[in-house]
C-alpha cells in the first residue's frame, strides 16, 4: 500500500515541531510546543499535535536527539527521562494508529536539507546541528549513513580537549561542552555568578524565555555583549577542530550547519566555522564547502516525513 499522507515530527531539547508534509516536501501545516519533561508526556504531546492536523496520516516519521536503533531510543542525554531504552515506535503506533518510523534528529535534519535544501545535488555531506546539544548526520556516496547500531553522527561527543569542560554525557572535553546551547548557558551562569557582566540573562527575561535560547544569543551578540562573543568564539573554535577531523576522515564536499543557532546566525556563522576549520584540514575548502541550512526549522520535519514516506505500508 502506498503512503499518501505523511507527518514529520522533530523532537528537540527545547521544542517539538509537528508538520504535515506534501509530495513536494513542503510543510503545509505545523504545530509547535515546548518539549515536556518526561517520556510519557512527550508521547502524549506528539499524539495531541498530530491529532490537531487536518488529516490523519498514513505514517509518521520522528527525529529524536539521541541514539536510535530498530525503533528504540537507547540514549538521549538532552531529554529528561530518556536514560533508558525506550520502545517509542511500539508506544506511538498504539497511540496514533498508524506506521511510525524513528530516526536521529540530526540525521533526519540533514535528510531534509539533502532532499529539499542546501544539500541538493551533493553526494557527500556532513550536517552539523547546533541546538540544545550538538549532533550530526552524514550522507556518504549518495546514501544516509547511520552506523551498525544507529550511533553514527554523535558528533557532539567527539573529544576536542581531553580533560576539558564537563559534558552532559558525563565525559570531559566534548564538542557539545563548548558548542551546545545548554552547556554554553551553564558556562554563562558560572561567569555571571563570579561577577562577569553580561546582557544574556536580561535579554532572556525581557523575552520571557526560560533558558538562553538561540534568539537570546543572537540579540546579545547584536548588542556587542563581551561574554556572548567569547562563548560563541569558543564554540566556533571547538567546532573547527572536530569538523576538520571529520573532513579529513570522510572527505565530504559540503558541510551544512543547521539547528537553532545556525538558523539565527545564518551564513555568517557557517563562514566563520569554515574559517575555523581550515587550519585542520589537508586541503583548502572551496566556496561551496560550508552552508547554513536553507529549510531552517522545517529541515527536521521534512526529513522525518521523508523517512516515513520511504517505508511501504503493509
C-alpha atoms as a PDB file:
ATOM      1  CA  UNK A   1       0.000   0.000   0.000  1.00  0.00           C
ATOM      2  CA  UNK A   2       1.301   3.441  -0.950  1.00  0.00           C
ATOM      3  CA  UNK A   3       1.974   6.098   1.685  1.00  0.00           C
ATOM      4  CA  UNK A   4      -0.163   9.124   0.797  1.00  0.00           C
ATOM      5  CA  UNK A   5      -0.176  11.394   3.843  1.00  0.00           C
ATOM      6  CA  UNK A   6       2.916  11.772   5.994  1.00  0.00           C
ATOM      7  CA  UNK A   7       3.733  13.777   9.095  1.00  0.00           C
ATOM      8  CA  UNK A   8       7.198  14.739  10.295  1.00  0.00           C
ATOM      9  CA  UNK A   9       7.978  15.230  13.997  1.00  0.00           C
ATOM     10  CA  UNK A  10      11.154  16.988  15.121  1.00  0.00           C
ATOM     11  CA  UNK A  11      11.794  16.454  18.841  1.00  0.00           C
ATOM     12  CA  UNK A  12      14.348  18.908  20.198  1.00  0.00           C
ATOM     13  CA  UNK A  13      15.711  19.562  23.633  1.00  0.00           C
ATOM     14  CA  UNK A  14      13.611  22.754  23.762  1.00  0.00           C
ATOM     15  CA  UNK A  15      10.665  22.317  21.377  1.00  0.00           C
ATOM     16  CA  UNK A  16       8.669  19.695  19.490  1.00  0.00           C
ATOM     17  CA  UNK A  17       7.590  20.566  15.958  1.00  0.00           C
ATOM     18  CA  UNK A  18       4.977  18.547  14.073  1.00  0.00           C
ATOM     19  CA  UNK A  19       4.136  19.164  10.438  1.00  0.00           C
ATOM     20  CA  UNK A  20       2.147  17.677   7.587  1.00  0.00           C
ATOM     21  CA  UNK A  21       4.432  17.442   4.539  1.00  0.00           C
ATOM     22  CA  UNK A  22       3.152  17.219   0.969  1.00  0.00           C
ATOM     23  CA  UNK A  23       4.607  15.363  -2.012  1.00  0.00           C
ATOM     24  CA  UNK A  24       6.722  18.404  -2.930  1.00  0.00           C
ATOM     25  CA  UNK A  25       8.404  18.270   0.500  1.00  0.00           C
ATOM     26  CA  UNK A  26       6.631  21.397   1.704  1.00  0.00           C
ATOM     27  CA  UNK A  27       5.288  21.750   5.233  1.00  0.00           C
ATOM     28  CA  UNK A  28       1.637  22.618   4.674  1.00  0.00           C
ATOM     29  CA  UNK A  29       0.538  22.762   8.302  1.00  0.00           C
ATOM     30  CA  UNK A  30       2.503  22.733  11.536  1.00  0.00           C
ATOM     31  CA  UNK A  31       2.239  22.906  15.305  1.00  0.00           C
ATOM     32  CA  UNK A  32       4.889  23.592  17.919  1.00  0.00           C
ATOM     33  CA  UNK A  33       5.101  23.079  21.660  1.00  0.00           C
ATOM     34  CA  UNK A  34       7.698  23.022  24.420  1.00  0.00           C
ATOM     35  CA  UNK A  35       9.334  19.630  24.916  1.00  0.00           C
ATOM     36  CA  UNK A  36       7.809  18.025  28.044  1.00  0.00           C
ATOM     37  CA  UNK A  37       9.829  16.784  30.982  1.00  0.00           C
ATOM     38  CA  UNK A  38       9.020  13.064  30.805  1.00  0.00           C
ATOM     39  CA  UNK A  39       8.782  10.310  28.214  1.00  0.00           C
ATOM     40  CA  UNK A  40       5.061   9.722  28.766  1.00  0.00           C
ATOM     41  CA  UNK A  41       4.265  13.434  28.499  1.00  0.00           C
ATOM     42  CA  UNK A  42       6.302  13.676  25.328  1.00  0.00           C
ATOM     43  CA  UNK A  43       4.421  10.803  23.703  1.00  0.00           C
ATOM     44  CA  UNK A  44       1.106  12.373  24.710  1.00  0.00           C
ATOM     45  CA  UNK A  45       2.203  15.716  23.275  1.00  0.00           C
ATOM     46  CA  UNK A  46       3.203  14.181  19.950  1.00  0.00           C
ATOM     47  CA  UNK A  47      -0.189  12.448  19.808  1.00  0.00           C
ATOM     48  CA  UNK A  48      -2.062  15.658  20.577  1.00  0.00           C
ATOM     49  CA  UNK A  49      -0.182  17.674  17.951  1.00  0.00           C
ATOM     50  CA  UNK A  50      -0.706  15.022  15.274  1.00  0.00           C
ATOM     51  CA  UNK A  51      -4.421  14.957  16.159  1.00  0.00           C
ATOM     52  CA  UNK A  52      -4.613  18.725  15.534  1.00  0.00           C
ATOM     53  CA  UNK A  53      -3.546  18.389  11.881  1.00  0.00           C
ATOM     54  CA  UNK A  54      -6.129  18.460   9.110  1.00  0.00           C
ATOM     55  CA  UNK A  55      -5.694  14.841   8.032  1.00  0.00           C
ATOM     56  CA  UNK A  56      -4.971  11.527   9.701  1.00  0.00           C
ATOM     57  CA  UNK A  57      -1.536  10.400   8.466  1.00  0.00           C
ATOM     58  CA  UNK A  58      -0.670   7.089   6.892  1.00  0.00           C
ATOM     59  CA  UNK A  59       2.754   7.258   8.511  1.00  0.00           C
ATOM     60  CA  UNK A  60       4.647   9.462  10.956  1.00  0.00           C
ATOM     61  CA  UNK A  61       8.409   9.986  10.990  1.00  0.00           C
ATOM     62  CA  UNK A  62      10.108  11.211  14.164  1.00  0.00           C
ATOM     63  CA  UNK A  63      13.575  12.638  14.748  1.00  0.00           C
ATOM     64  CA  UNK A  64      14.899  12.169  18.293  1.00  0.00           C
ATOM     65  CA  UNK A  65      18.131  13.728  19.659  1.00  0.00           C
ATOM     66  CA  UNK A  66      19.855  10.522  20.695  1.00  0.00           C
ATOM     67  CA  UNK A  67      20.990   7.057  19.681  1.00  0.00           C
ATOM     68  CA  UNK A  68      18.187   5.363  17.763  1.00  0.00           C
ATOM     69  CA  UNK A  69      18.166   1.765  16.523  1.00  0.00           C
ATOM     70  CA  UNK A  70      15.415  -0.553  15.321  1.00  0.00           C
ATOM     71  CA  UNK A  71      12.564   1.509  16.735  1.00  0.00           C
ATOM     72  CA  UNK A  72      14.097   2.141  20.149  1.00  0.00           C
ATOM     73  CA  UNK A  73      15.831   5.099  21.781  1.00  0.00           C
ATOM     74  CA  UNK A  74      18.924   3.815  23.565  1.00  0.00           C
ATOM     75  CA  UNK A  75      20.180   7.142  24.866  1.00  0.00           C
ATOM     76  CA  UNK A  76      19.064  10.773  24.675  1.00  0.00           C
ATOM     77  CA  UNK A  77      21.260  12.839  27.028  1.00  0.00           C
ATOM     78  CA  UNK A  78      19.498  16.138  26.278  1.00  0.00           C
ATOM     79  CA  UNK A  79      15.983  14.847  27.019  1.00  0.00           C
ATOM     80  CA  UNK A  80      14.881  14.400  30.608  1.00  0.00           C
ATOM     81  CA  UNK A  81      13.817  10.854  31.481  1.00  0.00           C
ATOM     82  CA  UNK A  82      15.353   9.138  28.444  1.00  0.00           C
ATOM     83  CA  UNK A  83      18.255   7.464  30.183  1.00  0.00           C
ATOM     84  CA  UNK A  84      16.845   4.025  29.414  1.00  0.00           C
ATOM     85  CA  UNK A  85      15.964   2.019  26.328  1.00  0.00           C
ATOM     86  CA  UNK A  86      12.571   3.246  25.167  1.00  0.00           C
ATOM     87  CA  UNK A  87      10.446   1.360  22.563  1.00  0.00           C
ATOM     88  CA  UNK A  88       8.963   4.578  21.233  1.00  0.00           C
ATOM     89  CA  UNK A  89       7.757   3.103  17.928  1.00  0.00           C
ATOM     90  CA  UNK A  90       5.543   0.485  19.580  1.00  0.00           C
ATOM     91  CA  UNK A  91       4.210   3.037  22.051  1.00  0.00           C
ATOM     92  CA  UNK A  92       3.368   5.652  19.418  1.00  0.00           C
ATOM     93  CA  UNK A  93       1.911   3.248  16.882  1.00  0.00           C
ATOM     94  CA  UNK A  94      -0.620   2.195  19.520  1.00  0.00           C
ATOM     95  CA  UNK A  95      -1.325   5.856  20.325  1.00  0.00           C
ATOM     96  CA  UNK A  96      -1.579   7.116  16.725  1.00  0.00           C
ATOM     97  CA  UNK A  97      -2.964   4.074  14.940  1.00  0.00           C
ATOM     98  CA  UNK A  98      -0.521   4.333  12.031  1.00  0.00           C
ATOM     99  CA  UNK A  99       3.004   3.370  10.985  1.00  0.00           C
ATOM    100  CA  UNK A 100       5.747   5.190  12.923  1.00  0.00           C
ATOM    101  CA  UNK A 101       9.370   5.415  11.763  1.00  0.00           C
ATOM    102  CA  UNK A 102      12.130   6.665  14.047  1.00  0.00           C
ATOM    103  CA  UNK A 103      15.434   8.386  13.292  1.00  0.00           C
ATOM    104  CA  UNK A 104      18.091  10.551  14.869  1.00  0.00           C
ATOM    105  CA  UNK A 105      17.186  14.248  14.742  1.00  0.00           C
ATOM    106  CA  UNK A 106      20.387  15.444  13.101  1.00  0.00           C
ATOM    107  CA  UNK A 107      20.253  12.645  10.546  1.00  0.00           C
ATOM    108  CA  UNK A 108      16.684  13.475   9.521  1.00  0.00           C
ATOM    109  CA  UNK A 109      17.527  17.191   9.543  1.00  0.00           C
ATOM    110  CA  UNK A 110      20.326  16.556   7.069  1.00  0.00           C
ATOM    111  CA  UNK A 111      17.993  14.332   5.039  1.00  0.00           C
ATOM    112  CA  UNK A 112      15.579  17.250   4.737  1.00  0.00           C
ATOM    113  CA  UNK A 113      18.355  19.566   3.552  1.00  0.00           C
ATOM    114  CA  UNK A 114      19.693  16.935   1.152  1.00  0.00           C
ATOM    115  CA  UNK A 115      16.332  16.387  -0.492  1.00  0.00           C
ATOM    116  CA  UNK A 116      14.954  19.933  -0.434  1.00  0.00           C
ATOM    117  CA  UNK A 117      17.552  22.414   0.800  1.00  0.00           C
ATOM    118  CA  UNK A 118      21.249  23.257   0.959  1.00  0.00           C
ATOM    119  CA  UNK A 119      22.362  19.696   0.191  1.00  0.00           C
ATOM    120  CA  UNK A 120      20.545  19.203  -3.116  1.00  0.00           C
ATOM    121  CA  UNK A 121      22.866  17.871  -5.813  1.00  0.00           C
ATOM    122  CA  UNK A 122      25.596  16.688  -3.425  1.00  0.00           C
ATOM    123  CA  UNK A 123      26.530  13.052  -2.728  1.00  0.00           C
ATOM    124  CA  UNK A 124      28.893  13.502   0.243  1.00  0.00           C
ATOM    125  CA  UNK A 125      27.577  15.648   3.094  1.00  0.00           C
ATOM    126  CA  UNK A 126      28.204  16.293   6.762  1.00  0.00           C
ATOM    127  CA  UNK A 127      25.366  18.071   8.555  1.00  0.00           C
ATOM    128  CA  UNK A 128      26.139  19.572  11.977  1.00  0.00           C
ATOM    129  CA  UNK A 129      23.099  20.604  14.015  1.00  0.00           C
ATOM    130  CA  UNK A 130      23.600  23.236  16.725  1.00  0.00           C
ATOM    131  CA  UNK A 131      20.835  23.391  19.289  1.00  0.00           C
ATOM    132  CA  UNK A 132      20.405  22.364  22.910  1.00  0.00           C
ATOM    133  CA  UNK A 133      23.135  19.846  22.104  1.00  0.00           C
ATOM    134  CA  UNK A 134      25.266  19.183  19.034  1.00  0.00           C
ATOM    135  CA  UNK A 135      24.548  16.366  16.601  1.00  0.00           C
ATOM    136  CA  UNK A 136      25.451  15.392  13.068  1.00  0.00           C
ATOM    137  CA  UNK A 137      24.188  13.449  10.107  1.00  0.00           C
ATOM    138  CA  UNK A 138      26.089  12.047   7.136  1.00  0.00           C
ATOM    139  CA  UNK A 139      25.339  11.320   3.509  1.00  0.00           C
ATOM    140  CA  UNK A 140      28.126   9.221   2.017  1.00  0.00           C
ATOM    141  CA  UNK A 141      28.170   8.292  -1.656  1.00  0.00           C
ATOM    142  CA  UNK A 142      24.539   9.308  -2.019  1.00  0.00           C
ATOM    143  CA  UNK A 143      23.227   7.316   0.969  1.00  0.00           C
ATOM    144  CA  UNK A 144      22.409   8.198   4.560  1.00  0.00           C
ATOM    145  CA  UNK A 145      24.952   6.661   6.907  1.00  0.00           C
ATOM    146  CA  UNK A 146      23.760   5.712  10.402  1.00  0.00           C
ATOM    147  CA  UNK A 147      26.236   3.025  11.501  1.00  0.00           C
ATOM    148  CA  UNK A 148      25.571  -0.544  12.602  1.00  0.00           C
ATOM    149  CA  UNK A 149      23.857   0.488  15.874  1.00  0.00           C
ATOM    150  CA  UNK A 150      22.410   3.827  14.863  1.00  0.00           C
ATOM    151  CA  UNK A 151      25.039   5.792  16.740  1.00  0.00           C
ATOM    152  CA  UNK A 152      26.946   7.252  13.778  1.00  0.00           C
ATOM    153  CA  UNK A 153      26.835  11.029  13.852  1.00  0.00           C
ATOM    154  CA  UNK A 154      27.328  11.518  17.596  1.00  0.00           C
ATOM    155  CA  UNK A 155      29.495  14.431  16.570  1.00  0.00           C
ATOM    156  CA  UNK A 156      28.801  16.347  19.766  1.00  0.00           C
ATOM    157  CA  UNK A 157      30.755  13.766  21.727  1.00  0.00           C
ATOM    158  CA  UNK A 158      33.974  13.977  19.773  1.00  0.00           C
ATOM    159  CA  UNK A 159      36.614  14.988  22.301  1.00  0.00           C
ATOM    160  CA  UNK A 160      38.373  18.197  21.290  1.00  0.00           C
ATOM    161  CA  UNK A 161      40.008  18.994  24.662  1.00  0.00           C
ATOM    162  CA  UNK A 162      40.991  15.960  26.757  1.00  0.00           C
ATOM    163  CA  UNK A 163      40.230  16.705  30.403  1.00  0.00           C
ATOM    164  CA  UNK A 164      38.291  19.822  29.401  1.00  0.00           C
ATOM    165  CA  UNK A 165      34.813  21.058  30.293  1.00  0.00           C
ATOM    166  CA  UNK A 166      32.239  18.582  31.581  1.00  0.00           C
ATOM    167  CA  UNK A 167      29.679  17.458  29.004  1.00  0.00           C
ATOM    168  CA  UNK A 168      26.110  16.374  29.690  1.00  0.00           C
ATOM    169  CA  UNK A 169      27.092  12.838  28.628  1.00  0.00           C
ATOM    170  CA  UNK A 170      29.373  12.596  31.691  1.00  0.00           C
ATOM    171  CA  UNK A 171      32.650  12.908  29.780  1.00  0.00           C
ATOM    172  CA  UNK A 172      35.015  15.849  29.511  1.00  0.00           C
ATOM    173  CA  UNK A 173      36.137  17.907  26.549  1.00  0.00           C
ATOM    174  CA  UNK A 174      33.339  17.046  24.096  1.00  0.00           C
ATOM    175  CA  UNK A 175      32.358  19.453  21.330  1.00  0.00           C
ATOM    176  CA  UNK A 176      28.946  19.751  22.974  1.00  0.00           C
ATOM    177  CA  UNK A 177      30.519  21.001  26.207  1.00  0.00           C
ATOM    178  CA  UNK A 178      31.596  24.111  24.275  1.00  0.00           C
ATOM    179  CA  UNK A 179      29.081  24.437  21.432  1.00  0.00           C
ATOM    180  CA  UNK A 180      25.844  23.005  22.847  1.00  0.00           C
ATOM    181  CA  UNK A 181      23.440  25.762  23.863  1.00  0.00           C
ATOM    182  CA  UNK A 182      22.668  24.146  27.227  1.00  0.00           C
ATOM    183  CA  UNK A 183      26.362  23.849  28.121  1.00  0.00           C
ATOM    184  CA  UNK A 184      27.021  27.396  26.923  1.00  0.00           C
ATOM    185  CA  UNK A 185      24.200  28.579  29.174  1.00  0.00           C
ATOM    186  CA  UNK A 186      25.688  26.819  32.195  1.00  0.00           C
ATOM    187  CA  UNK A 187      29.061  28.424  31.465  1.00  0.00           C
ATOM    188  CA  UNK A 188      27.430  31.851  31.176  1.00  0.00           C
ATOM    189  CA  UNK A 189      25.698  31.312  34.538  1.00  0.00           C
ATOM    190  CA  UNK A 190      29.023  30.430  36.134  1.00  0.00           C
ATOM    191  CA  UNK A 191      30.723  33.542  34.756  1.00  0.00           C
ATOM    192  CA  UNK A 192      27.806  35.761  35.819  1.00  0.00           C
ATOM    193  CA  UNK A 193      27.864  34.280  39.342  1.00  0.00           C
ATOM    194  CA  UNK A 194      31.528  35.263  39.517  1.00  0.00           C
ATOM    195  CA  UNK A 195      30.777  38.879  38.672  1.00  0.00           C
ATOM    196  CA  UNK A 196      31.170  38.889  34.875  1.00  0.00           C
ATOM    197  CA  UNK A 197      28.764  41.379  33.298  1.00  0.00           C
ATOM    198  CA  UNK A 198      26.535  40.049  30.542  1.00  0.00           C
ATOM    199  CA  UNK A 199      23.285  41.062  28.883  1.00  0.00           C
ATOM    200  CA  UNK A 200      22.283  37.443  28.232  1.00  0.00           C
ATOM    201  CA  UNK A 201      20.055  37.000  31.266  1.00  0.00           C
ATOM    202  CA  UNK A 202      18.423  40.428  30.952  1.00  0.00           C
ATOM    203  CA  UNK A 203      17.551  39.619  27.332  1.00  0.00           C
ATOM    204  CA  UNK A 204      16.254  36.197  28.370  1.00  0.00           C
ATOM    205  CA  UNK A 205      13.942  37.758  30.943  1.00  0.00           C
ATOM    206  CA  UNK A 206      12.762  40.518  28.580  1.00  0.00           C
ATOM    207  CA  UNK A 207      11.820  37.865  26.043  1.00  0.00           C
ATOM    208  CA  UNK A 208      10.022  35.808  28.681  1.00  0.00           C
ATOM    209  CA  UNK A 209      12.222  32.792  27.990  1.00  0.00           C
ATOM    210  CA  UNK A 210      13.092  30.070  30.470  1.00  0.00           C
ATOM    211  CA  UNK A 211      16.550  29.470  29.010  1.00  0.00           C
ATOM    212  CA  UNK A 212      19.184  31.136  26.848  1.00  0.00           C
ATOM    213  CA  UNK A 213      17.592  30.356  23.510  1.00  0.00           C
ATOM    214  CA  UNK A 214      19.199  30.942  20.118  1.00  0.00           C
ATOM    215  CA  UNK A 215      17.326  34.237  19.754  1.00  0.00           C
ATOM    216  CA  UNK A 216      18.716  35.392  23.130  1.00  0.00           C
ATOM    217  CA  UNK A 217      22.265  34.644  21.989  1.00  0.00           C
ATOM    218  CA  UNK A 218      21.648  36.409  18.690  1.00  0.00           C
ATOM    219  CA  UNK A 219      20.359  39.562  20.404  1.00  0.00           C
ATOM    220  CA  UNK A 220      23.259  39.561  22.872  1.00  0.00           C
ATOM    221  CA  UNK A 221      25.735  39.322  20.004  1.00  0.00           C
ATOM    222  CA  UNK A 222      23.987  42.222  18.259  1.00  0.00           C
ATOM    223  CA  UNK A 223      24.386  44.274  21.448  1.00  0.00           C
ATOM    224  CA  UNK A 224      28.116  43.526  21.454  1.00  0.00           C
ATOM    225  CA  UNK A 225      27.935  41.548  24.696  1.00  0.00           C
ATOM    226  CA  UNK A 226      31.502  40.559  25.566  1.00  0.00           C
ATOM    227  CA  UNK A 227      30.700  37.253  27.275  1.00  0.00           C
ATOM    228  CA  UNK A 228      28.340  36.157  24.497  1.00  0.00           C
ATOM    229  CA  UNK A 229      31.046  36.830  21.907  1.00  0.00           C
ATOM    230  CA  UNK A 230      33.636  34.986  23.996  1.00  0.00           C
ATOM    231  CA  UNK A 231      31.481  31.870  24.338  1.00  0.00           C
ATOM    232  CA  UNK A 232      30.480  31.884  20.666  1.00  0.00           C
ATOM    233  CA  UNK A 233      34.163  32.190  19.743  1.00  0.00           C
ATOM    234  CA  UNK A 234      34.964  29.162  21.931  1.00  0.00           C
ATOM    235  CA  UNK A 235      32.122  27.208  20.333  1.00  0.00           C
ATOM    236  CA  UNK A 236      33.345  28.004  16.831  1.00  0.00           C
ATOM    237  CA  UNK A 237      36.909  27.015  17.750  1.00  0.00           C
ATOM    238  CA  UNK A 238      35.751  23.635  19.111  1.00  0.00           C
ATOM    239  CA  UNK A 239      33.591  23.035  16.043  1.00  0.00           C
ATOM    240  CA  UNK A 240      36.506  23.855  13.776  1.00  0.00           C
ATOM    241  CA  UNK A 241      38.688  21.168  15.351  1.00  0.00           C
ATOM    242  CA  UNK A 242      36.001  18.476  15.186  1.00  0.00           C
ATOM    243  CA  UNK A 243      34.749  19.321  11.692  1.00  0.00           C
ATOM    244  CA  UNK A 244      38.338  19.426  10.428  1.00  0.00           C
ATOM    245  CA  UNK A 245      38.965  15.922  11.726  1.00  0.00           C
ATOM    246  CA  UNK A 246      35.680  14.733  10.219  1.00  0.00           C
ATOM    247  CA  UNK A 247      36.508  16.176   6.797  1.00  0.00           C
ATOM    248  CA  UNK A 248      39.930  14.527   6.852  1.00  0.00           C
ATOM    249  CA  UNK A 249      38.238  11.207   7.637  1.00  0.00           C
ATOM    250  CA  UNK A 250      35.205  11.407   5.337  1.00  0.00           C
ATOM    251  CA  UNK A 251      36.276  13.764   2.512  1.00  0.00           C
ATOM    252  CA  UNK A 252      32.810  15.306   2.125  1.00  0.00           C
ATOM    253  CA  UNK A 253      32.125  18.036  -0.422  1.00  0.00           C
ATOM    254  CA  UNK A 254      29.764  20.114   1.715  1.00  0.00           C
ATOM    255  CA  UNK A 255      29.177  20.819   5.415  1.00  0.00           C
ATOM    256  CA  UNK A 256      25.698  22.073   6.298  1.00  0.00           C
ATOM    257  CA  UNK A 257      25.137  23.932   9.584  1.00  0.00           C
ATOM    258  CA  UNK A 258      21.625  23.608  10.977  1.00  0.00           C
ATOM    259  CA  UNK A 259      19.701  23.881  14.221  1.00  0.00           C
ATOM    260  CA  UNK A 260      18.556  26.898  16.193  1.00  0.00           C
ATOM    261  CA  UNK A 261      21.889  28.700  16.369  1.00  0.00           C
ATOM    262  CA  UNK A 262      22.565  28.298  12.667  1.00  0.00           C
ATOM    263  CA  UNK A 263      19.035  29.456  11.859  1.00  0.00           C
ATOM    264  CA  UNK A 264      19.501  32.671  13.840  1.00  0.00           C
ATOM    265  CA  UNK A 265      23.100  33.435  12.843  1.00  0.00           C
ATOM    266  CA  UNK A 266      22.874  32.154   9.261  1.00  0.00           C
ATOM    267  CA  UNK A 267      25.585  32.042   6.616  1.00  0.00           C
ATOM    268  CA  UNK A 268      27.964  34.366   8.545  1.00  0.00           C
ATOM    269  CA  UNK A 269      28.181  31.654  11.237  1.00  0.00           C
ATOM    270  CA  UNK A 270      28.781  28.970   8.589  1.00  0.00           C
ATOM    271  CA  UNK A 271      31.543  31.121   7.077  1.00  0.00           C
ATOM    272  CA  UNK A 272      33.223  31.604  10.460  1.00  0.00           C
ATOM    273  CA  UNK A 273      33.090  27.884  11.166  1.00  0.00           C
ATOM    274  CA  UNK A 274      34.615  27.267   7.746  1.00  0.00           C
ATOM    275  CA  UNK A 275      37.468  29.628   8.605  1.00  0.00           C
ATOM    276  CA  UNK A 276      37.984  27.892  11.960  1.00  0.00           C
ATOM    277  CA  UNK A 277      38.096  24.513  10.211  1.00  0.00           C
ATOM    278  CA  UNK A 278      40.620  25.472   7.517  1.00  0.00           C
ATOM    279  CA  UNK A 279      43.786  25.064   9.648  1.00  0.00           C
ATOM    280  CA  UNK A 280      42.872  21.460  10.472  1.00  0.00           C
ATOM    281  CA  UNK A 281      42.154  20.026   7.017  1.00  0.00           C
ATOM    282  CA  UNK A 282      44.535  18.794   4.360  1.00  0.00           C
ATOM    283  CA  UNK A 283      43.034  20.793   1.508  1.00  0.00           C
ATOM    284  CA  UNK A 284      41.592  24.307   1.441  1.00  0.00           C
ATOM    285  CA  UNK A 285      37.777  24.433   1.453  1.00  0.00           C
ATOM    286  CA  UNK A 286      36.173  25.870  -1.679  1.00  0.00           C
ATOM    287  CA  UNK A 287      33.412  28.472  -1.607  1.00  0.00           C
ATOM    288  CA  UNK A 288      30.677  25.821  -1.607  1.00  0.00           C
ATOM    289  CA  UNK A 289      32.029  23.832   1.330  1.00  0.00           C
ATOM    290  CA  UNK A 290      30.132  25.428   4.233  1.00  0.00           C
ATOM    291  CA  UNK A 291      26.471  26.384   4.028  1.00  0.00           C
ATOM    292  CA  UNK A 292      23.771  27.330   6.513  1.00  0.00           C
ATOM    293  CA  UNK A 293      20.538  25.355   6.471  1.00  0.00           C
ATOM    294  CA  UNK A 294      18.045  26.612   3.885  1.00  0.00           C
ATOM    295  CA  UNK A 295      14.977  24.990   5.439  1.00  0.00           C
ATOM    296  CA  UNK A 296      15.621  26.231   8.984  1.00  0.00           C
ATOM    297  CA  UNK A 297      13.083  24.830  11.442  1.00  0.00           C
ATOM    298  CA  UNK A 298      11.474  22.792   8.665  1.00  0.00           C
ATOM    299  CA  UNK A 299      14.572  20.667   7.959  1.00  0.00           C
ATOM    300  CA  UNK A 300      13.859  18.150  10.723  1.00  0.00           C
ATOM    301  CA  UNK A 301      10.149  17.990   9.921  1.00  0.00           C
ATOM    302  CA  UNK A 302      10.768  17.462   6.186  1.00  0.00           C
ATOM    303  CA  UNK A 303      13.453  14.845   6.855  1.00  0.00           C
ATOM    304  CA  UNK A 304      11.310  12.994   9.376  1.00  0.00           C
ATOM    305  CA  UNK A 305       8.444  12.932   6.882  1.00  0.00           C
ATOM    306  CA  UNK A 306      10.858  11.585   4.280  1.00  0.00           C
ATOM    307  CA  UNK A 307      11.749   8.530   6.370  1.00  0.00           C
ATOM    308  CA  UNK A 308       8.038   7.944   6.961  1.00  0.00           C
ATOM    309  CA  UNK A 309       7.321   8.112   3.231  1.00  0.00           C
ATOM    310  CA  UNK A 310      10.181   5.740   2.379  1.00  0.00           C
ATOM    311  CA  UNK A 311       8.795   2.790   4.359  1.00  0.00           C
ATOM    312  CA  UNK A 312       5.983   0.970   2.493  1.00  0.00           C
ATOM    313  CA  UNK A 313       2.821   0.175   4.398  1.00  0.00           C
ATOM    314  CA  UNK A 314       1.849  -3.474   4.892  1.00  0.00           C
END
